Protein backbone atom coordinates (compact mmCIF):
# COMPACT_ATOMS: atom_id res chain seq x y z
CA MET A 1 16.38 -11.69 -17.14
CA THR A 2 14.76 -8.98 -15.11
CA GLN A 3 15.87 -8.30 -11.59
CA LEU A 4 13.82 -8.82 -8.59
CA MET A 5 14.30 -5.58 -6.67
CA VAL A 6 11.79 -6.19 -3.77
CA ASP A 7 10.67 -9.68 -2.50
CA ILE A 8 8.22 -9.64 0.43
CA GLN A 9 7.14 -13.00 1.73
CA ASN A 10 4.45 -13.66 4.38
CA LEU A 11 5.15 -10.56 6.21
CA SER A 12 3.16 -9.96 9.35
CA HIS A 13 3.49 -6.75 11.79
CA ILE A 14 1.69 -6.26 14.97
CA TYR A 15 1.81 -2.71 16.84
CA MET A 16 2.00 -2.94 20.55
CA GLN A 17 2.16 -6.74 20.71
CA GLY A 18 0.89 -8.07 23.99
CA THR A 19 -1.05 -5.30 25.06
CA PRO A 20 -4.69 -4.37 25.33
CA LEU A 21 -4.24 -1.97 22.33
CA GLU A 22 -2.70 -4.80 20.17
CA HIS A 23 -3.25 -4.10 16.37
CA ARG A 24 -2.21 -6.23 13.65
CA ALA A 25 -1.14 -3.89 10.65
CA LEU A 26 0.05 -6.67 8.27
CA ASP A 27 -1.14 -10.23 8.20
CA GLY A 28 0.80 -12.26 5.57
CA VAL A 29 1.52 -9.98 2.94
CA SER A 30 3.53 -10.86 0.03
CA LEU A 31 4.69 -8.67 -2.68
CA GLN A 32 7.32 -8.85 -5.67
CA VAL A 33 8.66 -5.73 -7.79
CA GLU A 34 11.00 -5.95 -10.81
CA GLN A 35 13.58 -3.68 -11.59
CA GLY A 36 12.33 -0.80 -13.65
CA GLU A 37 8.67 -1.08 -12.57
CA CYS A 38 6.25 1.34 -11.30
CA MET A 39 4.24 -0.11 -8.67
CA ALA A 40 1.12 1.69 -6.82
CA ILE A 41 -0.20 0.45 -3.67
CA ILE A 42 -3.68 1.39 -2.91
CA GLY A 43 -6.36 0.45 -0.20
CA HIS A 44 -8.37 2.33 2.35
CA THR A 45 -7.01 4.24 5.42
CA GLY A 46 -5.61 1.66 7.88
CA SER A 47 -5.17 -0.98 5.11
CA GLY A 48 -1.38 -1.15 6.08
CA LYS A 49 0.14 0.46 3.22
CA SER A 50 2.56 2.71 5.29
CA THR A 51 3.75 0.24 7.50
CA LEU A 52 4.41 -2.04 4.54
CA ILE A 53 6.61 0.46 2.62
CA GLN A 54 8.37 1.41 6.20
CA HIS A 55 9.91 -2.00 5.97
CA PHE A 56 11.39 -1.36 2.49
CA ASN A 57 14.32 0.54 3.94
CA GLY A 58 14.42 -0.95 7.50
CA LEU A 59 12.43 1.83 9.21
CA ILE A 60 10.42 -1.21 10.45
CA ARG A 61 12.28 -4.68 10.93
CA PRO A 62 10.47 -7.91 10.07
CA GLN A 63 8.61 -9.49 13.12
CA SER A 64 7.82 -12.68 10.83
CA GLY A 65 7.90 -13.27 7.23
CA LYS A 66 10.88 -12.30 4.76
CA VAL A 67 12.03 -8.98 3.30
CA VAL A 68 14.53 -8.71 0.80
CA ILE A 69 15.65 -5.65 -1.13
CA SER A 70 17.93 -5.54 -3.94
CA GLY A 71 19.62 -9.01 -2.25
CA LEU A 72 19.68 -7.65 1.31
CA ASP A 73 17.93 -9.45 3.52
CA VAL A 74 16.22 -7.19 6.02
CA SER A 75 15.25 -10.08 8.32
CA LEU A 76 18.84 -10.91 9.18
CA PRO A 77 20.00 -9.23 12.38
CA LYS A 78 23.47 -7.95 11.01
CA VAL A 79 22.09 -6.63 7.49
CA ASP A 80 24.17 -3.62 6.60
CA MET A 81 21.55 -0.90 7.00
CA LYS A 82 23.42 2.03 5.48
CA SER A 83 23.63 -0.36 2.43
CA LEU A 84 20.21 -0.86 2.43
CA ARG A 85 19.16 2.92 2.89
CA ARG A 86 21.43 3.79 0.15
CA GLN A 87 19.57 1.35 -2.01
CA VAL A 88 16.08 2.34 -1.07
CA GLY A 89 15.06 6.04 -1.10
CA LEU A 90 11.93 6.97 1.11
CA VAL A 91 10.07 10.46 0.73
CA PHE A 92 7.64 10.81 3.38
CA GLN A 93 4.14 12.46 2.87
CA ASN A 94 5.06 15.38 4.43
CA PRO A 95 8.29 16.89 3.11
CA GLU A 96 8.81 18.75 6.36
CA ASP A 97 9.45 15.60 8.10
CA GLN A 98 12.92 15.06 6.34
CA LEU A 99 14.26 18.68 5.56
CA PHE A 100 16.24 19.94 8.43
CA GLU A 101 19.20 21.97 6.86
CA LYS A 102 18.74 25.81 6.65
CA LEU A 103 19.55 25.90 2.93
CA VAL A 104 18.36 23.97 0.10
CA GLY A 105 21.85 22.89 -1.31
CA ASP A 106 22.80 21.69 2.20
CA ASP A 107 19.89 19.63 2.68
CA VAL A 108 20.26 17.69 -0.63
CA ALA A 109 24.02 17.39 0.36
CA TYR A 110 23.45 15.71 3.61
CA GLY A 111 22.82 12.30 2.74
CA PRO A 112 26.20 12.26 0.20
CA PHE A 113 28.13 13.99 2.91
CA LYS A 114 27.23 11.21 5.45
CA MET A 115 28.23 8.62 2.80
CA GLY A 116 31.68 10.14 3.09
CA LEU A 117 31.95 10.99 -0.44
CA PRO A 118 34.55 13.54 -1.80
CA LEU A 119 33.20 17.27 -2.03
CA ASP A 120 33.69 17.42 -5.76
CA GLU A 121 31.31 14.28 -5.94
CA VAL A 122 28.83 15.69 -3.50
CA ARG A 123 28.38 18.79 -5.54
CA ARG A 124 28.09 16.72 -8.59
CA ARG A 125 25.25 14.68 -7.09
CA VAL A 126 23.57 17.71 -5.63
CA HIS A 127 23.58 19.48 -8.99
CA TRP A 128 22.33 16.41 -10.74
CA ALA A 129 19.60 15.77 -8.10
CA MET A 130 18.17 19.19 -8.09
CA GLU A 131 18.18 19.85 -11.88
CA LEU A 132 16.17 16.32 -12.23
CA VAL A 133 13.56 17.31 -10.03
CA GLY A 134 13.19 20.60 -11.38
CA LEU A 135 15.13 22.87 -9.15
CA SER A 136 17.76 25.32 -10.57
CA PHE A 137 21.04 24.35 -9.00
CA GLU A 138 22.34 28.18 -9.37
CA ASP A 139 19.23 29.58 -8.54
CA MET A 140 17.82 27.59 -5.59
CA ARG A 141 20.94 25.97 -3.72
CA ASP A 142 21.37 29.12 -1.30
CA ARG A 143 17.35 29.55 -0.71
CA PRO A 144 16.03 29.21 2.75
CA THR A 145 14.72 25.68 2.87
CA PHE A 146 11.66 26.33 5.07
CA ALA A 147 10.49 29.67 3.09
CA LEU A 148 9.63 27.18 0.06
CA SER A 149 6.19 26.39 -1.24
CA GLY A 150 4.80 22.94 -0.58
CA GLY A 151 5.53 21.80 -3.83
CA GLN A 152 9.22 23.19 -3.76
CA LYS A 153 9.65 21.32 -0.36
CA ARG A 154 8.49 18.08 -1.83
CA LYS A 155 11.01 18.60 -4.81
CA VAL A 156 13.83 19.24 -2.24
CA ALA A 157 12.91 15.95 -0.30
CA LEU A 158 12.99 14.23 -3.52
CA ALA A 159 16.26 15.68 -4.39
CA GLY A 160 17.89 14.87 -1.14
CA VAL A 161 16.84 11.04 -1.88
CA LEU A 162 17.94 10.69 -5.35
CA ALA A 163 21.50 12.40 -4.30
CA LEU A 164 21.96 9.07 -2.73
CA GLN A 165 21.46 7.38 -6.25
CA PRO A 166 19.02 4.68 -4.67
CA LYS A 167 18.08 1.81 -6.91
CA VAL A 168 14.35 1.90 -5.54
CA LEU A 169 12.43 5.00 -4.81
CA VAL A 170 9.65 4.85 -2.37
CA LEU A 171 6.86 7.69 -2.07
CA ASP A 172 4.14 7.79 0.22
CA GLU A 173 1.23 9.93 -1.06
CA PRO A 174 3.71 11.96 -3.17
CA THR A 175 1.11 14.73 -4.47
CA ALA A 176 -0.97 15.33 -1.23
CA GLY A 177 -1.80 18.76 -0.66
CA LEU A 178 -0.16 20.24 -3.82
CA ASP A 179 -1.90 22.50 -6.10
CA PRO A 180 -2.66 21.10 -9.75
CA LEU A 181 0.44 22.55 -11.50
CA SER A 182 2.83 21.30 -8.77
CA ARG A 183 1.04 17.98 -8.91
CA LYS A 184 1.49 17.73 -12.67
CA GLU A 185 5.11 18.69 -12.55
CA LEU A 186 6.01 16.37 -9.81
CA LEU A 187 4.17 13.51 -11.63
CA GLU A 188 6.23 14.35 -14.85
CA ARG A 189 9.31 14.12 -12.92
CA ILE A 190 8.46 10.71 -11.29
CA ARG A 191 7.47 9.39 -14.70
CA HIS A 192 10.66 10.66 -16.12
CA LEU A 193 12.65 9.03 -13.27
CA ASN A 194 10.92 5.63 -13.86
CA ARG A 195 10.80 5.55 -17.72
CA GLU A 196 13.98 7.37 -18.61
CA GLU A 197 16.45 6.64 -15.72
CA ASN A 198 15.21 3.01 -15.14
CA LEU A 199 14.52 3.66 -11.46
CA THR A 200 12.31 1.19 -9.54
CA VAL A 201 9.34 3.33 -8.03
CA ILE A 202 6.73 2.22 -5.60
CA PHE A 203 4.27 4.66 -4.54
CA VAL A 204 1.19 4.67 -1.97
CA SER A 205 -1.91 6.98 -3.51
CA HIS A 206 -5.36 7.46 -2.68
CA ASN A 207 -5.47 9.69 -5.88
CA MET A 208 -6.67 6.86 -8.59
CA GLU A 209 -5.80 9.59 -11.52
CA GLU A 210 -2.06 9.31 -10.66
CA VAL A 211 -2.36 5.51 -10.02
CA ALA A 212 -3.74 5.27 -13.86
CA GLN A 213 -1.36 7.55 -15.04
CA LEU A 214 1.89 6.39 -13.61
CA ALA A 215 1.40 2.56 -12.58
CA ASP A 216 2.49 -0.58 -14.46
CA ARG A 217 0.96 -2.51 -11.64
CA VAL A 218 -1.50 -1.78 -8.89
CA TYR A 219 -1.30 -3.67 -5.60
CA VAL A 220 -4.54 -3.66 -3.59
CA MET A 221 -4.62 -3.96 0.26
CA ALA A 222 -7.44 -4.22 2.73
CA ASN A 223 -7.32 -4.87 6.42
CA GLY A 224 -3.59 -5.81 6.48
CA LYS A 225 -3.90 -8.32 3.77
CA ALA A 226 -3.06 -8.69 0.04
CA VAL A 227 -6.32 -8.62 -1.75
CA CYS A 228 -5.20 -8.70 -5.21
CA ASP A 229 -2.78 -7.11 -7.99
CA GLY A 230 -2.76 -6.62 -11.60
CA THR A 231 -2.53 -3.82 -14.18
CA PRO A 232 -4.54 -0.75 -14.00
CA ARG A 233 -6.74 -2.00 -16.71
CA GLN A 234 -7.47 -5.14 -14.74
CA ILE A 235 -8.06 -3.40 -11.44
CA PHE A 236 -10.19 -0.65 -12.89
CA GLY A 237 -12.07 -2.88 -15.04
CA ASN A 238 -13.36 -4.87 -12.35
CA GLU A 239 -16.41 -3.37 -11.02
CA GLU A 240 -17.06 -5.76 -8.39
CA LEU A 241 -13.39 -5.68 -6.79
CA LEU A 242 -13.82 -1.67 -6.89
CA ARG A 243 -17.08 -1.85 -5.03
CA GLN A 244 -16.15 -4.57 -2.53
CA HIS A 245 -13.20 -3.04 -1.35
CA HIS A 246 -14.33 0.63 -1.67
CA ILE A 247 -11.75 1.59 -4.20
CA GLY A 248 -12.14 4.99 -5.87
CA THR A 249 -11.72 5.27 -9.44
CA PRO A 250 -10.20 7.78 -12.08
CA GLU A 251 -13.25 10.34 -13.43
CA SER A 252 -12.64 8.41 -16.79
CA VAL A 253 -13.54 5.19 -15.37
CA ASP A 254 -16.51 6.54 -13.43
CA ILE A 255 -17.87 7.68 -16.43
CA LEU A 256 -17.56 4.57 -18.42
CA TYR A 257 -19.14 2.72 -15.65
CA ARG A 258 -22.10 5.30 -15.75
CA LEU A 259 -22.57 4.94 -19.36
CA ARG A 260 -22.66 1.17 -19.11
CA GLU A 261 -25.33 1.25 -16.48
CA GLU A 262 -27.49 3.39 -18.76
CA GLY A 263 -27.35 0.49 -21.14
CA TYR A 264 -24.28 1.69 -23.69
CA GLY A 265 -21.95 -0.97 -24.90
CA ILE A 266 -18.68 0.53 -23.68
CA ASN A 267 -15.57 -0.82 -22.76
CA PRO A 268 -14.85 -0.08 -18.84
CA GLU A 269 -11.23 -0.95 -19.35
CA ALA A 270 -10.59 2.16 -21.55
CA PHE A 271 -9.72 4.48 -18.70
CA LEU A 272 -7.03 6.58 -20.39
CA PRO A 273 -8.45 9.88 -21.28
CA GLU A 274 -8.05 9.55 -25.25
CA GLU A 275 -9.47 5.95 -24.99
CA THR A 276 -12.29 7.36 -22.95
CA ALA A 277 -12.82 10.10 -25.78
CA TYR A 278 -12.75 7.57 -28.35
CA GLU A 279 -15.46 5.43 -26.62
CA ILE A 280 -17.68 8.38 -26.27
CA LEU A 281 -17.47 9.40 -29.89
CA LYS A 282 -18.29 5.75 -31.01
CA LEU A 283 -21.45 6.41 -28.93
CA LEU A 284 -21.93 9.64 -30.67
CA LYS A 285 -21.41 8.26 -34.11
CA ARG A 286 -24.08 5.53 -33.60
């Protein structure tokens, strides 16, 4: 039986409540993520995505509704926040926000040290986490953290979270600002963590190519509410939904819809590049 790692029920959140600047960021949101799933959360700017994921590791506590993460009820006043944050690793959109040690190895080791682990175990975790994200332990451990490229900083931030060995990895715009090569490498690492290490992954992204490539399920938000959820095929195959909520599409989906508008009989759910190519080849053979 699959374990439910994230269970959100009727969650609402209001910023600056009771003031003239009051803003309802979340309005009765419910969401469930099973162990080993890769869930993408999408929606236009201001839809409540970042507010939602900050509830996952207790950065924001529930005002109303219920948040249960790996069996821990975040709604309870005496919930063990240290235990929660060991189980849920959050990587921010800007890696500089969570890098503060001078050397790469020290930064990755910070979390395990704070957990009070023995030195040998800290070193083992740092070595494991750095190699897992594509940073050579021997070559990179003594490098100055803030002299790294944007892609390398993103990997260090990810390694620092993985060194805690969380059960859930939460990523906010994981490839924003990266060059194409760094983006490709990071996506491959995330896919490996999810598929091979069985790590539950939840990520926010405006890049629909990433969503199509990584996600098992897509959760659509609009104006602080849950609009719908489904597989990438179900979401990207629903042209009315995409248009109504101004959701971008992968280039392959855009090509398929344009061909269909021209009167060609084509399957808009065939969004994977090889599937799109096959659909086009079928047209050419006709």
